[in-house]
Amino acid sequence: MAILTVEGIVENGQIRPRDQVVLPEHTKVYVVIPDVEAVPTAHAYGPRLVHPE
C-alpha cells in the first residue's frame, strides 16, 4: 500500500489541500489532526429501565 501525505486546512467545514492534488472520486482517505484538542460533546441519554417488562 502506497501512502501519500498531503498538508491541508479546514475552510468552511471542508478540508482543502495546500497543494494541488487530484484524486479519483470515492478515494478512501485518512485524516490525521495534529495539535488539536477535541471539544467534548454533551450527550442526552434517554431513561433505561433495569427490567423493561
N, C-alpha and C. Protein backbone atom coordinates (compact mmCIF):
# COMPACT_ATOMS: atom_id res chain seq x y z
N MET A 1 0.86 -1.18 0.00
CA MET A 1 0.00 0.00 0.00
C MET A 1 0.90 1.24 0.00
N ALA A 2 0.71 2.10 -0.97
CA ALA A 2 1.45 3.36 -1.03
C ALA A 2 0.75 4.40 -0.18
N ILE A 3 1.52 5.31 0.41
CA ILE A 3 0.97 6.35 1.26
C ILE A 3 1.41 7.70 0.73
N LEU A 4 0.46 8.61 0.56
CA LEU A 4 0.73 9.98 0.14
C LEU A 4 0.33 10.88 1.30
N THR A 5 1.23 11.74 1.74
CA THR A 5 0.92 12.67 2.82
C THR A 5 0.73 14.05 2.22
N VAL A 6 -0.41 14.68 2.53
CA VAL A 6 -0.74 15.99 1.99
C VAL A 6 -1.16 16.89 3.15
N GLU A 7 -0.59 18.07 3.23
CA GLU A 7 -1.00 19.04 4.25
C GLU A 7 -2.20 19.82 3.74
N GLY A 8 -3.12 20.11 4.64
CA GLY A 8 -4.31 20.85 4.25
C GLY A 8 -4.79 21.73 5.38
N ILE A 9 -5.90 22.40 5.14
CA ILE A 9 -6.51 23.29 6.12
C ILE A 9 -8.02 23.18 5.99
N VAL A 10 -8.73 23.39 7.08
CA VAL A 10 -10.19 23.35 7.03
C VAL A 10 -10.70 24.76 6.76
N GLU A 11 -11.51 24.90 5.73
CA GLU A 11 -12.14 26.17 5.36
C GLU A 11 -13.62 25.93 5.14
N ASN A 12 -14.46 26.63 5.87
CA ASN A 12 -15.91 26.49 5.74
C ASN A 12 -16.35 25.03 5.91
N GLY A 13 -15.70 24.32 6.84
CA GLY A 13 -16.09 22.95 7.13
C GLY A 13 -15.59 21.91 6.15
N GLN A 14 -14.78 22.31 5.18
CA GLN A 14 -14.24 21.37 4.20
C GLN A 14 -12.72 21.36 4.28
N ILE A 15 -12.13 20.20 4.04
CA ILE A 15 -10.68 20.08 4.06
C ILE A 15 -10.14 20.48 2.69
N ARG A 16 -9.24 21.46 2.68
CA ARG A 16 -8.65 21.94 1.44
C ARG A 16 -7.15 21.64 1.47
N PRO A 17 -6.65 20.85 0.52
CA PRO A 17 -5.20 20.59 0.46
C PRO A 17 -4.45 21.88 0.12
N ARG A 18 -3.25 22.05 0.69
CA ARG A 18 -2.43 23.23 0.37
C ARG A 18 -1.85 23.12 -1.04
N ASP A 19 -1.55 21.91 -1.48
CA ASP A 19 -1.01 21.68 -2.82
C ASP A 19 -2.11 21.17 -3.73
N GLN A 20 -1.92 21.31 -5.02
CA GLN A 20 -2.88 20.79 -5.99
C GLN A 20 -2.77 19.27 -6.00
N VAL A 21 -3.83 18.59 -5.57
CA VAL A 21 -3.86 17.13 -5.53
C VAL A 21 -5.11 16.68 -6.26
N VAL A 22 -4.95 15.76 -7.20
CA VAL A 22 -6.08 15.24 -7.94
C VAL A 22 -6.26 13.78 -7.54
N LEU A 23 -7.41 13.47 -6.94
CA LEU A 23 -7.72 12.11 -6.53
C LEU A 23 -9.00 11.67 -7.21
N PRO A 24 -9.09 10.40 -7.57
CA PRO A 24 -10.33 9.91 -8.17
C PRO A 24 -11.49 9.98 -7.18
N GLU A 25 -12.69 10.11 -7.69
CA GLU A 25 -13.89 10.10 -6.84
C GLU A 25 -13.92 8.82 -6.02
N HIS A 26 -14.44 8.91 -4.81
CA HIS A 26 -14.61 7.79 -3.89
C HIS A 26 -13.28 7.21 -3.40
N THR A 27 -12.19 7.99 -3.48
CA THR A 27 -10.92 7.54 -2.93
C THR A 27 -11.01 7.53 -1.42
N LYS A 28 -10.59 6.44 -0.79
CA LYS A 28 -10.58 6.36 0.67
C LYS A 28 -9.40 7.17 1.18
N VAL A 29 -9.64 8.05 2.14
CA VAL A 29 -8.58 8.85 2.73
C VAL A 29 -8.67 8.75 4.25
N TYR A 30 -7.55 9.01 4.91
CA TYR A 30 -7.49 9.05 6.37
C TYR A 30 -7.00 10.44 6.76
N VAL A 31 -7.62 11.03 7.75
CA VAL A 31 -7.26 12.37 8.19
C VAL A 31 -6.63 12.27 9.57
N VAL A 32 -5.41 12.80 9.72
CA VAL A 32 -4.72 12.86 11.00
C VAL A 32 -4.68 14.33 11.40
N ILE A 33 -5.16 14.64 12.61
CA ILE A 33 -5.26 16.03 13.06
C ILE A 33 -4.27 16.24 14.20
N PRO A 34 -3.16 16.94 13.95
CA PRO A 34 -2.17 17.16 15.00
C PRO A 34 -2.49 18.40 15.83
N ASP A 35 -2.08 18.37 17.08
CA ASP A 35 -2.13 19.54 17.97
C ASP A 35 -3.51 20.18 18.14
N VAL A 36 -4.56 19.39 18.14
CA VAL A 36 -5.91 19.92 18.36
C VAL A 36 -6.57 19.10 19.45
N GLU A 37 -7.14 19.79 20.43
CA GLU A 37 -7.88 19.10 21.47
C GLU A 37 -9.34 19.02 21.06
N ALA A 38 -9.89 17.83 21.13
CA ALA A 38 -11.30 17.64 20.78
C ALA A 38 -12.17 18.21 21.90
N VAL A 39 -13.20 18.94 21.51
CA VAL A 39 -14.14 19.50 22.47
C VAL A 39 -15.18 18.43 22.77
N PRO A 40 -15.32 18.04 24.05
CA PRO A 40 -16.31 17.01 24.36
C PRO A 40 -17.72 17.49 24.05
N THR A 41 -18.51 16.60 23.51
CA THR A 41 -19.90 16.94 23.21
C THR A 41 -20.81 16.40 24.29
N ALA A 42 -21.90 17.09 24.52
CA ALA A 42 -22.86 16.66 25.54
C ALA A 42 -23.76 15.58 24.94
N HIS A 43 -24.10 14.59 25.74
CA HIS A 43 -24.99 13.53 25.32
C HIS A 43 -26.23 13.55 26.20
N ALA A 44 -27.39 13.49 25.58
CA ALA A 44 -28.64 13.40 26.32
C ALA A 44 -29.14 11.96 26.21
N TYR A 45 -28.98 11.22 27.28
CA TYR A 45 -29.39 9.82 27.28
C TYR A 45 -30.84 9.71 27.72
N GLY A 46 -31.58 8.81 27.10
CA GLY A 46 -32.96 8.55 27.49
C GLY A 46 -33.00 7.63 28.70
N PRO A 47 -34.13 7.59 29.38
CA PRO A 47 -34.23 6.70 30.54
C PRO A 47 -34.18 5.24 30.10
N ARG A 48 -33.50 4.44 30.90
CA ARG A 48 -33.42 3.00 30.63
C ARG A 48 -33.86 2.27 31.88
N LEU A 49 -34.71 1.32 31.69
CA LEU A 49 -35.21 0.55 32.81
C LEU A 49 -34.36 -0.69 33.03
N VAL A 50 -34.16 -1.04 34.30
CA VAL A 50 -33.39 -2.22 34.61
C VAL A 50 -34.12 -3.45 34.13
N HIS A 51 -35.42 -3.49 34.37
CA HIS A 51 -36.28 -4.61 33.93
C HIS A 51 -37.40 -4.03 33.04
N PRO A 52 -37.20 -3.97 31.71
CA PRO A 52 -38.17 -3.31 30.83
C PRO A 52 -39.55 -3.94 30.78
N GLU A 53 -39.73 -5.18 31.24
CA GLU A 53 -41.06 -5.78 31.20
C GLU A 53 -41.89 -5.14 32.26
